[in-house]
Protein backbone atom coordinates (compact mmCIF):
# COMPACT_ATOMS: atom_id res chain seq x y z
CA MET A 1 7.42 15.33 -13.88
CA SER A 2 4.66 13.51 -12.68
CA THR A 3 4.07 13.45 -8.89
CA PRO A 4 4.56 10.06 -6.90
CA VAL A 5 1.19 8.69 -5.55
CA ILE A 6 0.82 5.56 -3.35
CA LYS A 7 -1.18 2.64 -4.52
CA ALA A 8 -2.27 -0.26 -2.28
CA SER A 9 -4.48 -3.38 -2.84
CA PHE A 10 -5.50 -6.61 -1.47
CA VAL A 11 -3.47 -9.48 -2.11
CA LEU A 12 -6.55 -11.79 -3.32
CA ASP A 13 -7.33 -15.77 -3.54
CA ALA A 14 -8.15 -17.86 -6.21
CA ASP A 15 -11.97 -17.14 -5.37
CA GLY A 16 -10.93 -13.18 -5.39
CA LYS A 17 -11.36 -12.77 -1.66
CA PRO A 18 -8.85 -10.86 0.24
CA ARG A 19 -6.05 -13.25 1.80
CA GLY A 20 -5.36 -12.92 5.39
CA ARG A 21 -6.23 -14.52 8.91
CA SER A 22 -9.59 -14.68 10.61
CA THR A 23 -8.47 -11.91 13.16
CA GLY A 24 -9.08 -9.54 9.91
CA ASN A 25 -5.13 -8.73 9.17
CA TYR A 26 -5.18 -8.31 5.69
CA GLU A 27 -2.48 -9.17 3.19
CA ILE A 28 -1.80 -5.54 0.95
CA LEU A 29 0.46 -4.78 -1.44
CA LEU A 30 1.72 -1.30 -1.35
CA GLN A 31 3.38 0.48 -4.47
CA VAL A 32 4.39 4.03 -5.96
CA ASP A 33 3.11 5.07 -9.35
CA GLY A 34 4.63 7.30 -11.03
CA ALA A 35 7.94 7.54 -9.76
CA PRO A 36 10.93 9.78 -11.08
CA GLU A 37 12.93 7.51 -14.04
CA ASP A 38 15.71 8.01 -11.53
CA ALA A 39 14.33 6.44 -8.41
CA TYR A 40 16.20 3.98 -7.05
CA ARG A 41 14.84 3.30 -3.43
CA VAL A 42 11.30 3.71 -1.61
CA VAL A 43 11.26 3.73 2.14
CA TYR A 44 7.45 3.22 2.91
CA GLU A 45 7.01 4.67 6.65
CA LEU A 46 4.40 2.39 8.34
CA ASP A 47 2.61 3.09 11.64
CA ASP A 48 4.18 2.75 14.65
CA SER A 49 2.27 -0.08 16.03
CA TYR A 50 4.54 -2.15 13.09
CA TYR A 51 7.18 -4.05 14.50
CA ASP A 52 9.37 -2.66 11.50
CA PRO A 53 7.41 0.64 10.77
CA ARG A 54 10.31 1.24 7.92
CA ARG A 55 10.55 -0.91 4.94
CA GLU A 56 12.72 -0.44 2.00
CA ALA A 57 12.02 -1.54 -1.86
CA THR A 58 14.14 -1.32 -4.54
CA ASP A 59 13.03 -2.56 -7.52
CA PRO A 60 11.33 -0.03 -9.95
CA SER A 61 10.40 -2.57 -12.43
CA THR A 62 7.63 -4.23 -9.51
CA LEU A 63 6.89 -0.31 -9.07
CA PHE A 64 8.69 -0.58 -5.45
CA SER A 65 6.03 -3.12 -4.17
CA GLU A 66 6.18 -3.98 -0.66
CA GLU A 67 3.88 -6.90 0.95
CA LEU A 68 2.67 -6.56 4.36
CA THR A 69 -0.46 -7.17 6.35
CA SER A 70 -2.83 -4.34 8.20
CA TYR A 71 -6.31 -4.75 10.27
CA GLY A 72 -6.58 -0.97 10.03
CA ASP A 73 -6.59 2.19 8.13
CA TYR A 74 -3.29 4.61 8.83
CA VAL A 75 -1.49 7.38 6.75
CA ILE A 76 1.34 5.60 4.85
CA GLN A 77 4.57 7.69 4.12
CA ALA A 78 6.75 7.01 1.09
CA ARG A 79 10.02 8.50 0.57
CA VAL A 80 10.97 8.49 -2.95
CA ARG A 81 14.81 8.28 -3.50
CA THR A 82 16.55 10.20 -6.57
CA THR A 83 19.95 10.32 -7.60
CA ASP A 84 19.66 13.73 -6.58
CA HIS A 85 16.64 14.16 -4.03
CA THR A 86 13.98 12.75 -2.13
CA VAL A 87 9.96 13.18 -2.81
CA LEU A 88 7.75 12.50 -0.41
CA ALA A 89 4.68 11.22 -0.68
CA LYS A 90 1.47 10.28 1.50
CA ARG A 91 -1.98 8.70 1.51
CA SER A 92 -4.51 7.11 3.65
CA LEU A 93 -4.25 3.02 3.53
CA PHE A 94 -8.05 3.12 2.85
CA GLU A 95 -8.15 5.57 0.46
CA ALA A 96 -5.45 3.63 -1.31
CA LEU A 97 -7.35 0.59 -1.00
CA LYS A 98 -10.55 2.07 -1.99
CA GLU A 99 -9.39 3.52 -5.25
CA ALA A 100 -7.42 0.31 -6.35
CA HIS A 101 -10.73 -1.91 -5.65
CA ALA A 102 -13.50 0.51 -7.01
CA GLY A 103 -16.44 -1.04 -8.62
CA ASN A 104 -15.58 -4.18 -7.43
CA ASN A 105 -18.72 -5.76 -5.57
CA HIS A 106 -17.22 -8.83 -4.20
CA PRO A 107 -19.14 -9.06 -0.18
CA ALA A 108 -15.46 -10.16 0.75
CA ILE A 109 -13.92 -6.75 -0.99
CA LEU A 110 -16.65 -4.75 0.36
CA LYS A 111 -16.20 -6.22 3.80
CA ALA A 112 -12.52 -5.66 3.66
CA LEU A 113 -12.67 -2.22 3.19
CA HIS A 114 -15.01 -1.39 5.93
CA ASP A 115 -12.59 -3.78 8.27
CA ILE A 116 -9.81 -1.15 7.27
CA GLN A 117 -12.37 2.19 7.33
CA GLN A 118 -13.44 1.19 11.02
CA ASN A 119 -9.83 0.08 12.78
């Protein structure tokens, strides 16, 4: 059985720049890769500063995708629910974004990564 891993990537506009407001809140897509085949729900636990820090995703065909905005780093938890147990995954938002955009030297991506890491 593989271990579920939280993935995160910036939602990009047509020019390849991270979408978001000028205030530094970036649009981000969360997913869980490697969920067990019988997984039917992922509950993401975000930072307590969110209005709704618990988000549920129920579509395995999208890798349990969830969109959010963020301006800074924190540890995301994902509780992957299966028919007979729950698997916990944890990961820094910055680390997940850095992995997703490794090798992309677009100045806007580099700035967004820096912004997330510093806040």
